[in-house]
Amino acid sequence: MSKYSWSKYNELNLKLSKKLIKFNNKKKINHIENELFNHIRDIFCIALLINRKNKKINVLDYGSHVACLSNLKSKINTNLFNFHIYDPFLKNDKSFYKPLKIKLLKKSQHLKKIKFEFINFGSCIQYINNLEEIKKNINFSFTETISITYTPITFLKKYKSYQTNHPNLIQIVYSYKEIIKFFSKEGFKIIFKSRNKDKYIACKSKKNKTFSLNLIFIKK
């Protein structure tokens, strides 16, 4: 079984990112994305604004790619945020397209050097072998808000499944209870949850009481 190539996946998203940025630089209303992605970006934007103080804040999009941030310009004032993307499969770590100022981070040791007030886990927790790995990379002391979007979560026991839309890719479907407990120990409480269509669960061996969810946490 060949290993899934995240670097190729992220490179493909560069084309989409360029398209979104080009459109949004000319228009007052953002480009419409396919399927559930407009909904996901809106949740992300609302979460960004929940606890924003009267200062520029550092935002971390954990395990993401540039396309996820490229359609925000017409939705919110992006000048209020310093955006960072942690991509361990990145081929370079240079800043990205204007007008968004996005710092791309490849090495996990760089993460603890920055005080992130906001952290987004956009469809990435299911690819982390153990939730405790997150704490090795991130210091939550300065974080006020956390969002988790487009993520398969079960209300029963954790399990693994191959992903339907990407060959050779395995998802770890964490339990809702385990995720709540993990972030509660780090000082966060859940304030929002919503459900996406079941087709976005994308598990070949989907078990009962599994849903594609979006969650928002704030500091207690």
Protein backbone atom coordinates (compact mmCIF):
# COMPACT_ATOMS: atom_id res chain seq x y z
CA MET A 1 0.00 0.00 0.00
CA SER A 2 1.53 3.31 -1.07
CA LYS A 3 1.74 6.16 1.41
CA TYR A 4 -0.63 9.08 0.97
CA SER A 5 1.10 12.20 -0.36
CA TRP A 6 -0.03 15.28 1.57
CA SER A 7 2.52 17.44 -0.27
CA LYS A 8 0.88 16.64 -3.64
CA TYR A 9 -2.56 17.30 -2.18
CA ASN A 10 -1.48 20.70 -0.90
CA GLU A 11 0.19 21.58 -4.20
CA LEU A 12 -3.09 20.94 -6.02
CA ASN A 13 -4.80 23.37 -3.67
CA LEU A 14 -2.38 26.13 -4.70
CA LYS A 15 -4.25 26.42 -8.02
CA LEU A 16 -7.54 26.89 -6.21
CA SER A 17 -5.95 29.41 -3.86
CA LYS A 18 -4.67 31.56 -6.73
CA LYS A 19 -8.11 31.49 -8.33
CA LEU A 20 -9.83 32.58 -5.11
CA ILE A 21 -7.37 35.39 -4.38
CA LYS A 22 -7.52 36.74 -7.95
CA PHE A 23 -11.32 36.84 -7.80
CA ASN A 24 -11.48 38.42 -4.33
CA ASN A 25 -8.97 41.12 -5.25
CA LYS A 26 -11.42 42.33 -7.91
CA LYS A 27 -14.80 41.74 -6.25
CA LYS A 28 -16.55 43.02 -3.14
CA ILE A 29 -18.23 39.66 -2.43
CA ASN A 30 -16.23 36.47 -1.97
CA HIS A 31 -15.93 33.65 -4.50
CA ILE A 32 -18.44 30.81 -4.00
CA GLU A 33 -16.76 27.48 -3.22
CA ASN A 34 -18.21 24.06 -3.98
CA GLU A 35 -20.14 21.80 -1.62
CA LEU A 36 -19.90 22.61 2.13
CA PHE A 37 -16.87 24.90 2.00
CA ASN A 38 -18.72 28.25 2.09
CA HIS A 39 -20.41 27.03 5.26
CA ILE A 40 -17.09 25.94 6.79
CA ARG A 41 -15.37 29.26 5.98
CA ASP A 42 -18.27 31.17 7.54
CA ILE A 43 -17.98 29.19 10.78
CA PHE A 44 -14.24 29.84 10.77
CA CYS A 45 -14.78 33.60 10.33
CA ILE A 46 -17.40 33.80 13.08
CA ALA A 47 -15.10 31.88 15.44
CA LEU A 48 -12.28 34.31 14.61
CA LEU A 49 -14.38 37.27 15.68
CA ILE A 50 -15.77 35.82 18.93
CA ASN A 51 -12.98 36.76 21.30
CA ARG A 52 -10.98 39.19 19.21
CA LYS A 53 -9.54 42.00 21.32
CA ASN A 54 -8.71 45.49 20.03
CA LYS A 55 -5.38 44.30 18.71
CA LYS A 56 -4.01 42.13 15.94
CA ILE A 57 -4.10 38.48 16.96
CA ASN A 58 -2.09 35.45 15.87
CA VAL A 59 -4.09 32.73 14.14
CA LEU A 60 -2.87 29.17 13.59
CA ASP A 61 -4.47 26.96 10.97
CA TYR A 62 -3.09 23.61 12.09
CA GLY A 63 -2.21 21.00 9.44
CA SER A 64 -3.85 23.06 6.71
CA HIS A 65 -3.07 24.56 3.29
CA VAL A 66 -3.32 28.04 1.76
CA ALA A 67 -6.65 27.49 -0.02
CA CYS A 68 -8.43 27.36 3.34
CA LEU A 69 -7.51 30.99 4.08
CA SER A 70 -7.69 32.36 0.54
CA ASN A 71 -11.41 33.09 0.50
CA LEU A 72 -11.62 35.26 3.62
CA LYS A 73 -10.79 38.71 2.22
CA SER A 74 -14.35 39.70 1.26
CA LYS A 75 -15.88 38.16 4.38
CA ILE A 76 -13.94 39.86 7.19
CA ASN A 77 -11.20 42.43 7.69
CA THR A 78 -8.16 40.16 7.33
CA ASN A 79 -5.85 42.99 8.47
CA LEU A 80 -6.95 42.22 12.02
CA PHE A 81 -5.12 38.89 12.00
CA ASN A 82 -1.65 37.41 11.55
CA PHE A 83 -2.31 34.11 9.82
CA HIS A 84 -0.03 31.08 10.21
CA ILE A 85 -0.35 27.64 8.64
CA TYR A 86 1.37 24.59 10.09
CA ASP A 87 2.10 22.21 7.22
CA PRO A 88 4.76 19.58 8.07
CA PHE A 89 4.79 18.44 4.43
CA LEU A 90 5.61 21.89 3.08
CA LYS A 91 8.44 22.18 0.56
CA ASN A 92 9.27 25.73 1.64
CA ASP A 93 8.28 28.02 4.48
CA LYS A 94 7.98 31.39 2.77
CA SER A 95 5.14 33.83 3.28
CA PHE A 96 2.32 33.66 0.78
CA TYR A 97 0.01 35.75 -1.37
CA LYS A 98 -1.04 39.36 -0.86
CA PRO A 99 -3.26 40.85 0.49
CA LEU A 100 -3.34 38.02 3.04
CA LYS A 101 -0.19 37.78 5.10
CA ILE A 102 0.22 34.07 5.72
CA LYS A 103 3.30 32.65 7.36
CA LEU A 104 3.87 29.03 6.45
CA LEU A 105 5.45 26.89 9.18
CA LYS A 106 6.97 23.50 8.48
CA LYS A 107 8.66 22.59 11.76
CA SER A 108 6.63 21.84 14.88
CA GLN A 109 9.22 23.47 17.15
CA HIS A 110 8.34 26.84 15.59
CA LEU A 111 4.78 26.63 16.93
CA LYS A 112 5.58 27.05 20.61
CA LYS A 113 7.54 30.22 19.88
CA ILE A 114 4.38 32.06 18.86
CA LYS A 115 1.47 33.08 21.10
CA PHE A 116 -1.62 31.95 19.19
CA GLU A 117 -4.87 33.51 20.40
CA PHE A 118 -6.88 31.46 17.90
CA ILE A 119 -6.30 27.90 16.62
CA ASN A 120 -8.22 26.16 13.86
CA PHE A 121 -8.22 22.40 13.35
CA GLY A 122 -9.89 22.19 9.95
CA SER A 123 -10.46 18.56 9.02
CA CYS A 124 -7.13 17.44 10.45
CA ILE A 125 -7.70 15.90 13.90
CA GLN A 126 -8.70 12.61 12.26
CA TYR A 127 -5.15 12.29 10.87
CA ILE A 128 -3.42 12.75 14.23
CA ASN A 129 -2.44 9.44 15.81
CA ASN A 130 -3.00 10.62 19.37
CA LEU A 131 -4.56 13.84 20.66
CA GLU A 132 -1.73 14.17 23.16
CA GLU A 133 0.59 14.84 20.17
CA ILE A 134 -1.07 18.24 19.81
CA LYS A 135 0.18 19.34 23.24
CA LYS A 136 3.74 18.53 22.23
CA ASN A 137 3.50 21.15 19.48
CA ILE A 138 1.21 23.81 20.91
CA ASN A 139 1.15 25.95 24.03
CA PHE A 140 -2.53 26.68 24.76
CA SER A 141 -1.73 29.23 27.48
CA PHE A 142 -2.49 32.24 25.26
CA THR A 143 -5.28 30.66 23.19
CA GLU A 144 -8.79 32.09 23.61
CA THR A 145 -10.72 30.30 20.86
CA ILE A 146 -10.46 26.94 19.07
CA SER A 147 -12.46 25.75 16.08
CA ILE A 148 -12.74 22.23 14.69
CA THR A 149 -14.47 21.91 11.33
CA TYR A 150 -15.43 19.26 8.79
CA THR A 151 -14.32 16.40 11.05
CA PRO A 152 -15.79 12.88 11.45
CA ILE A 153 -16.62 12.30 15.12
CA THR A 154 -18.40 9.40 16.79
CA PHE A 155 -20.67 9.43 19.84
CA LEU A 156 -19.55 5.88 20.58
CA LYS A 157 -16.01 4.43 20.78
CA LYS A 158 -13.07 5.69 18.71
CA TYR A 159 -12.28 3.67 15.57
CA LYS A 160 -10.27 3.73 12.33
CA SER A 161 -11.49 3.65 8.75
CA TYR A 162 -10.11 4.10 5.24
CA GLN A 163 -11.32 7.33 3.65
CA THR A 164 -13.70 7.01 0.72
CA ASN A 165 -12.45 9.91 -1.41
CA HIS A 166 -8.67 9.46 -0.96
CA PRO A 167 -7.09 6.02 -1.52
CA ASN A 168 -4.60 4.82 1.12
CA LEU A 169 -5.70 7.45 3.63
CA ILE A 170 -6.85 6.31 7.08
CA GLN A 171 -9.01 8.40 9.39
CA ILE A 172 -9.05 8.04 13.17
CA VAL A 173 -12.61 8.80 14.16
CA TYR A 174 -12.30 10.15 17.69
CA SER A 175 -15.19 10.08 20.12
CA TYR A 176 -17.00 13.31 20.93
CA LYS A 177 -16.47 12.62 24.62
CA GLU A 178 -12.70 12.20 24.15
CA ILE A 179 -12.38 15.48 22.23
CA ILE A 180 -14.42 17.41 24.80
CA LYS A 181 -12.37 15.93 27.65
CA PHE A 182 -9.05 16.72 25.94
CA PHE A 183 -9.83 20.41 25.39
CA SER A 184 -11.52 20.72 28.78
CA LYS A 185 -8.25 19.69 30.43
CA GLU A 186 -6.57 22.49 28.48
CA GLY A 187 -9.06 24.98 29.89
CA PHE A 188 -11.70 25.20 27.14
CA LYS A 189 -15.47 24.73 27.01
CA ILE A 190 -17.59 24.04 23.95
CA ILE A 191 -20.01 26.82 22.92
CA PHE A 192 -21.08 25.70 19.44
CA LYS A 193 -21.59 22.51 17.46
CA SER A 194 -23.17 21.84 14.07
CA ARG A 195 -23.51 18.92 11.71
CA ASN A 196 -22.62 18.59 8.03
CA LYS A 197 -24.22 16.18 5.59
CA ASP A 198 -23.34 12.55 6.25
CA LYS A 199 -21.53 12.17 2.93
CA TYR A 200 -18.73 14.31 4.38
CA ILE A 201 -17.96 11.64 6.99
CA ALA A 202 -16.16 9.87 4.13
CA CYS A 203 -15.49 6.61 6.02
CA LYS A 204 -15.53 3.31 4.11
CA SER A 205 -16.51 1.47 7.29
CA LYS A 206 -18.70 4.11 8.96
CA LYS A 207 -20.14 3.04 12.29
CA ASN A 208 -23.41 4.14 13.87
CA LYS A 209 -23.59 7.54 15.56
CA THR A 210 -20.77 8.99 13.47
CA PHE A 211 -21.23 12.51 12.13
CA SER A 212 -19.28 15.21 10.31
CA LEU A 213 -19.16 17.99 12.89
CA ASN A 214 -18.03 21.58 13.42
CA LEU A 215 -17.15 22.66 16.97
CA ILE A 216 -16.10 25.93 18.63
CA PHE A 217 -14.43 26.14 22.04
CA ILE A 218 -13.56 29.20 24.14
CA LYS A 219 -11.35 29.57 27.22
CA LYS A 220 -13.29 28.87 30.41
